[in-house]
Amino acid sequence: MENMTALITGAGSGIGFGVAQSLAEKGATIIITDINVDAVLLAQKKLSDKGLNVKGIKLDVTNEQDIENLITTLDGMNIDILVNNAGIQHVSRLEDFPMNAWQKIVNVLLTGPARTCKALLPQMRDNGFGRIINIGSIHGLVASPFKSAYVAAKHGLIGFSKVIALETSDTDITINTICPAYVKTPLVEKQIKDQAIQHGISEEDVIHKIMLEPMPKKSFIDIEEISATVCFLASKQAKNMTGQALVLDGGWTVK
């Protein structure tokens, strides 16, 4: 990844941070972005202390002004790899789902990637190269109760990626979506409590009967697995893999 620059959204912690670290360790220059400024600064320090080339920028992917400020801050810097990772969740049956929360999830998970792609695609086209990698979810392929906004947005992200794959087929730009089952991140940790309330069961039962039960391998997906997949998709060797949903689900969808 030497001489390549990667921008990752929602990279202050969790999957985004893990992906940023993996790409940096392979030689890429990293732009960490997150809505949480403190998380950006901490993530930047952690990677910089390891001697990795990293810069942090505050970014709310739902805010058009933030996107414009991002482009201004980059000041002509070429972004070779865009990882759309920013995410939020709300667990509730639709009748009780606040519509502002529903809309925010769609704005972050679906409209946000559209905004970042729209902002960075012209420069990728000028360079004749680009790798766009969306961190999707198993819920882009299957559904679970109490997650109507999340499931709808993740399904939409796969459809969006297919369209952009066709629109960029005339150049060496690819776009793909990684669809993992549950990953032990702060976002999922919060879901355990929320789902226990919605289902009326213990948090331990949520882990084993809801999160891991559909997976023949019965294990959470590691961030390292996702990071390795990102690194492959970002490589020049993946030039003909585009518009695809790569599923890391422990066998969930093969049954």
Protein backbone atom coordinates (compact mmCIF):
# COMPACT_ATOMS: atom_id res chain seq x y z
CA MET A 1 0.00 0.00 0.00
CA GLU A 2 3.03 2.30 -0.26
CA ASN A 3 2.31 5.58 -2.06
CA MET A 4 -1.42 5.12 -1.44
CA THR A 5 -3.69 7.21 0.78
CA ALA A 6 -6.75 5.82 2.48
CA LEU A 7 -9.63 7.74 4.08
CA ILE A 8 -11.75 5.86 6.59
CA THR A 9 -15.00 7.16 8.09
CA GLY A 10 -16.02 6.28 11.63
CA ALA A 11 -12.41 5.34 12.34
CA GLY A 12 -12.18 6.65 15.89
CA SER A 13 -12.76 3.15 17.27
CA GLY A 14 -13.93 -0.36 16.45
CA ILE A 15 -13.82 -1.68 12.89
CA GLY A 16 -12.78 1.65 11.40
CA PHE A 17 -9.77 1.95 13.67
CA GLY A 18 -8.75 -1.65 13.01
CA VAL A 19 -8.96 -1.10 9.25
CA ALA A 20 -6.97 2.12 9.54
CA GLN A 21 -4.23 0.38 11.48
CA SER A 22 -4.00 -2.53 9.03
CA LEU A 23 -3.76 -0.26 5.99
CA ALA A 24 -1.19 1.94 7.75
CA GLU A 25 0.93 -1.08 8.66
CA LYS A 26 1.00 -1.98 4.97
CA GLY A 27 2.45 1.42 4.16
CA ALA A 28 -0.59 3.54 3.31
CA THR A 29 -1.00 7.11 4.47
CA ILE A 30 -4.16 7.20 6.57
CA ILE A 31 -6.83 9.86 6.98
CA ILE A 32 -8.88 8.99 10.07
CA THR A 33 -12.28 10.66 10.23
CA ASP A 34 -14.98 10.48 12.85
CA ILE A 35 -17.79 12.66 14.18
CA ASN A 36 -16.19 12.40 17.64
CA VAL A 37 -13.21 14.79 17.73
CA ASP A 38 -11.75 13.25 20.91
CA ALA A 39 -11.89 9.79 19.31
CA VAL A 40 -10.13 11.14 16.21
CA LEU A 41 -7.32 12.65 18.26
CA LEU A 42 -6.87 9.52 20.37
CA ALA A 43 -6.85 7.23 17.32
CA GLN A 44 -4.37 9.51 15.56
CA LYS A 45 -2.07 9.45 18.60
CA LYS A 46 -2.25 5.66 18.93
CA LEU A 47 -1.19 5.14 15.32
CA SER A 48 1.34 7.97 15.28
CA ASP A 49 3.00 6.53 18.39
CA LYS A 50 3.57 3.36 16.37
CA GLY A 51 5.37 5.37 13.71
CA LEU A 52 2.51 5.15 11.25
CA ASN A 53 1.60 7.95 8.84
CA VAL A 54 -1.79 9.23 9.93
CA LYS A 55 -3.85 12.41 9.99
CA GLY A 56 -7.15 12.95 11.81
CA ILE A 57 -10.09 15.03 10.56
CA LYS A 58 -13.48 15.58 12.20
CA LEU A 59 -16.25 14.46 9.82
CA ASP A 60 -20.01 14.07 10.12
CA VAL A 61 -20.94 12.16 6.96
CA THR A 62 -24.51 13.49 7.15
CA ASN A 63 -23.35 17.11 7.02
CA GLU A 64 -22.75 18.62 3.58
CA GLN A 65 -20.62 21.42 5.07
CA ASP A 66 -18.38 18.85 6.76
CA ILE A 67 -17.89 17.13 3.41
CA GLU A 68 -16.94 20.45 1.81
CA ASN A 69 -14.56 21.19 4.70
CA LEU A 70 -13.00 17.76 4.23
CA ILE A 71 -12.20 18.44 0.59
CA THR A 72 -10.75 21.85 1.54
CA THR A 73 -8.62 20.29 4.30
CA LEU A 74 -7.32 17.60 1.96
CA ASP A 75 -6.11 20.47 -0.27
CA GLY A 76 -5.62 18.37 -3.40
CA MET A 77 -4.33 15.27 -1.61
CA ASN A 78 -5.22 12.19 -3.66
CA ILE A 79 -7.42 9.63 -1.93
CA ASP A 80 -6.83 6.20 -3.45
CA ILE A 81 -8.91 4.18 -0.98
CA LEU A 82 -12.21 5.21 0.60
CA VAL A 83 -13.61 3.03 3.38
CA ASN A 84 -17.20 3.92 4.29
CA ASN A 85 -17.48 2.58 7.82
CA ALA A 86 -19.38 5.17 9.90
CA GLY A 87 -22.38 3.58 11.55
CA ILE A 88 -25.05 3.87 14.22
CA GLN A 89 -27.83 1.60 15.44
CA HIS A 90 -31.21 1.79 17.18
CA VAL A 91 -33.11 -1.32 18.27
CA SER A 92 -36.87 -0.97 18.49
CA ARG A 93 -40.06 -2.31 16.96
CA LEU A 94 -41.33 0.01 14.24
CA GLU A 95 -44.36 1.16 16.25
CA ASP A 96 -41.99 2.58 18.89
CA PHE A 97 -39.21 3.67 16.52
CA PRO A 98 -38.66 7.47 16.64
CA MET A 99 -38.74 8.61 13.03
CA ASN A 100 -35.89 11.06 13.58
CA ALA A 101 -33.75 8.10 14.70
CA TRP A 102 -34.94 6.10 11.67
CA GLN A 103 -33.95 8.90 9.32
CA LYS A 104 -30.59 9.44 11.02
CA ILE A 105 -29.64 5.79 10.55
CA VAL A 106 -30.42 6.01 6.83
CA ASN A 107 -28.51 9.30 6.60
CA VAL A 108 -25.40 7.80 8.20
CA LEU A 109 -25.43 4.32 6.64
CA LEU A 110 -26.69 5.07 3.13
CA THR A 111 -26.70 8.77 2.29
CA GLY A 112 -23.34 9.25 4.04
CA PRO A 113 -21.47 6.86 1.70
CA ALA A 114 -23.21 8.51 -1.25
CA ARG A 115 -21.90 11.89 -0.07
CA THR A 116 -18.31 10.70 0.38
CA CYS A 117 -18.31 8.85 -2.93
CA LYS A 118 -19.72 11.87 -4.76
CA ALA A 119 -17.05 14.11 -3.21
CA LEU A 120 -14.07 11.85 -3.96
CA LEU A 121 -15.02 10.16 -7.24
CA PRO A 122 -14.00 13.11 -9.49
CA GLN A 123 -10.45 13.01 -8.15
CA MET A 124 -10.31 9.21 -8.44
CA ARG A 125 -11.44 9.51 -12.06
CA ASP A 126 -8.74 12.10 -12.75
CA ASN A 127 -6.15 9.69 -11.35
CA GLY A 128 -7.61 6.68 -13.15
CA PHE A 129 -7.63 4.68 -9.92
CA GLY A 130 -9.80 4.22 -6.87
CA ARG A 131 -10.94 1.62 -4.37
CA ILE A 132 -14.20 2.19 -2.49
CA ILE A 133 -14.98 -0.29 0.25
CA ASN A 134 -18.22 -0.15 2.19
CA ILE A 135 -18.51 -1.83 5.57
CA GLY A 136 -21.96 -3.32 5.24
CA SER A 137 -23.50 -6.07 7.33
CA ILE A 138 -25.06 -9.49 7.20
CA HIS A 139 -28.22 -7.40 7.55
CA GLY A 140 -27.68 -6.20 4.02
CA LEU A 141 -28.69 -9.73 3.01
CA VAL A 142 -31.02 -10.98 5.74
CA ALA A 143 -33.31 -9.37 8.31
CA SER A 144 -33.71 -9.40 12.07
CA PRO A 145 -36.60 -7.94 14.06
CA PHE A 146 -36.37 -4.50 15.69
CA LYS A 147 -33.83 -3.16 13.16
CA SER A 148 -36.00 -1.85 10.34
CA ALA A 149 -33.92 1.26 9.59
CA TYR A 150 -30.57 -0.51 9.82
CA VAL A 151 -31.64 -3.45 7.67
CA ALA A 152 -33.22 -1.17 5.08
CA ALA A 153 -30.12 1.04 4.89
CA LYS A 154 -27.68 -1.89 4.63
CA HIS A 155 -29.77 -3.50 1.87
CA GLY A 156 -29.75 -0.14 0.12
CA LEU A 157 -25.97 0.16 0.45
CA ILE A 158 -25.48 -3.03 -1.58
CA GLY A 159 -27.81 -1.73 -4.29
CA PHE A 160 -26.03 1.62 -4.29
CA SER A 161 -22.67 -0.12 -4.70
CA LYS A 162 -23.90 -2.08 -7.70
CA VAL A 163 -24.95 1.13 -9.44
CA ILE A 164 -21.63 2.86 -8.75
CA ALA A 165 -19.78 -0.24 -9.98
CA LEU A 166 -21.52 0.17 -13.33
CA GLU A 167 -20.93 3.92 -13.42
CA THR A 168 -17.18 3.46 -12.81
CA SER A 169 -16.64 0.43 -15.04
CA ASP A 170 -14.82 2.55 -17.62
CA THR A 171 -11.84 3.10 -15.32
CA ASP A 172 -9.79 1.33 -12.64
CA ILE A 173 -12.21 2.20 -9.84
CA THR A 174 -13.99 -0.50 -7.88
CA ILE A 175 -16.64 -0.49 -5.16
CA ASN A 176 -17.51 -3.44 -2.96
CA THR A 177 -19.38 -4.09 0.28
CA ILE A 178 -18.12 -6.29 3.10
CA CYS A 179 -21.00 -7.97 4.95
CA PRO A 180 -19.92 -9.37 8.32
CA ALA A 181 -22.09 -11.03 10.91
CA TYR A 182 -21.81 -9.71 14.46
CA VAL A 183 -18.46 -8.15 15.40
CA LYS A 184 -17.68 -7.46 19.09
CA THR A 185 -17.55 -3.65 18.89
CA PRO A 186 -19.01 -0.93 21.17
CA LEU A 187 -21.95 -0.67 18.74
CA VAL A 188 -22.75 -4.38 19.14
CA GLU A 189 -22.15 -4.33 22.90
CA LYS A 190 -24.91 -1.72 23.21
CA GLN A 191 -27.19 -3.83 21.01
CA ILE A 192 -26.92 -6.75 23.42
CA LYS A 193 -28.59 -4.76 26.18
CA ASP A 194 -31.18 -3.25 23.84
CA GLN A 195 -32.10 -6.60 22.32
CA ALA A 196 -32.40 -8.18 25.75
CA ILE A 197 -35.04 -5.58 26.58
CA GLN A 198 -36.92 -5.97 23.28
CA HIS A 199 -36.93 -9.78 23.38
CA GLY A 200 -37.48 -10.06 27.13
CA ILE A 201 -34.48 -12.35 27.62
CA SER A 202 -31.08 -12.15 29.32
CA GLU A 203 -28.05 -10.54 27.68
CA GLU A 204 -26.33 -13.95 27.69
CA ASP A 205 -29.27 -15.41 25.76
CA VAL A 206 -29.05 -12.54 23.25
CA ILE A 207 -25.43 -13.50 22.52
CA HIS A 208 -26.05 -17.22 22.15
CA LYS A 209 -29.66 -17.48 20.93
CA ILE A 210 -29.87 -14.43 18.65
CA MET A 211 -26.39 -13.33 17.59
CA LEU A 212 -24.54 -16.64 17.34
CA GLU A 213 -27.39 -19.13 16.84
CA PRO A 214 -27.74 -18.46 13.06
CA MET A 215 -24.00 -19.01 12.53
CA PRO A 216 -22.85 -22.63 12.11
CA LYS A 217 -19.38 -21.55 13.33
CA LYS A 218 -20.90 -19.93 16.46
CA SER A 219 -18.35 -17.15 16.79
CA PHE A 220 -18.13 -13.40 16.45
CA ILE A 221 -16.29 -12.05 13.41
CA ASP A 222 -12.86 -10.60 14.24
CA ILE A 223 -11.95 -7.08 13.18
CA GLU A 224 -8.75 -8.58 11.74
CA GLU A 225 -10.82 -10.64 9.30
CA ILE A 226 -12.54 -7.52 8.04
CA SER A 227 -9.26 -5.59 7.85
CA ALA A 228 -7.65 -8.33 5.77
CA THR A 229 -10.60 -8.31 3.38
CA VAL A 230 -10.32 -4.53 3.06
CA CYS A 231 -6.62 -4.82 2.27
CA PHE A 232 -7.33 -7.26 -0.55
CA LEU A 233 -10.14 -5.18 -2.03
CA ALA A 234 -7.89 -2.10 -1.86
CA SER A 235 -5.12 -3.80 -3.80
CA LYS A 236 -4.40 -3.42 -7.50
CA GLN A 237 -4.93 -7.18 -7.86
CA ALA A 238 -8.65 -6.73 -7.06
CA LYS A 239 -9.24 -4.59 -10.14
CA ASN A 240 -12.00 -6.83 -11.55
CA MET A 241 -13.87 -7.39 -8.31
CA THR A 242 -16.53 -4.71 -8.20
CA GLY A 243 -20.17 -4.35 -7.19
CA GLN A 244 -19.86 -7.40 -4.96
CA ALA A 245 -21.06 -8.22 -1.45
CA LEU A 246 -18.36 -10.20 0.36
CA VAL A 247 -19.97 -12.16 3.18
CA LEU A 248 -18.12 -12.98 6.42
CA ASP A 249 -20.88 -14.72 8.32
CA GLY A 250 -19.66 -18.07 9.69
CA GLY A 251 -22.05 -19.86 7.36
CA TRP A 252 -25.19 -17.89 8.32
CA THR A 253 -26.50 -17.45 4.76
CA VAL A 254 -25.59 -20.87 3.34
CA LYS A 255 -28.28 -22.73 5.27
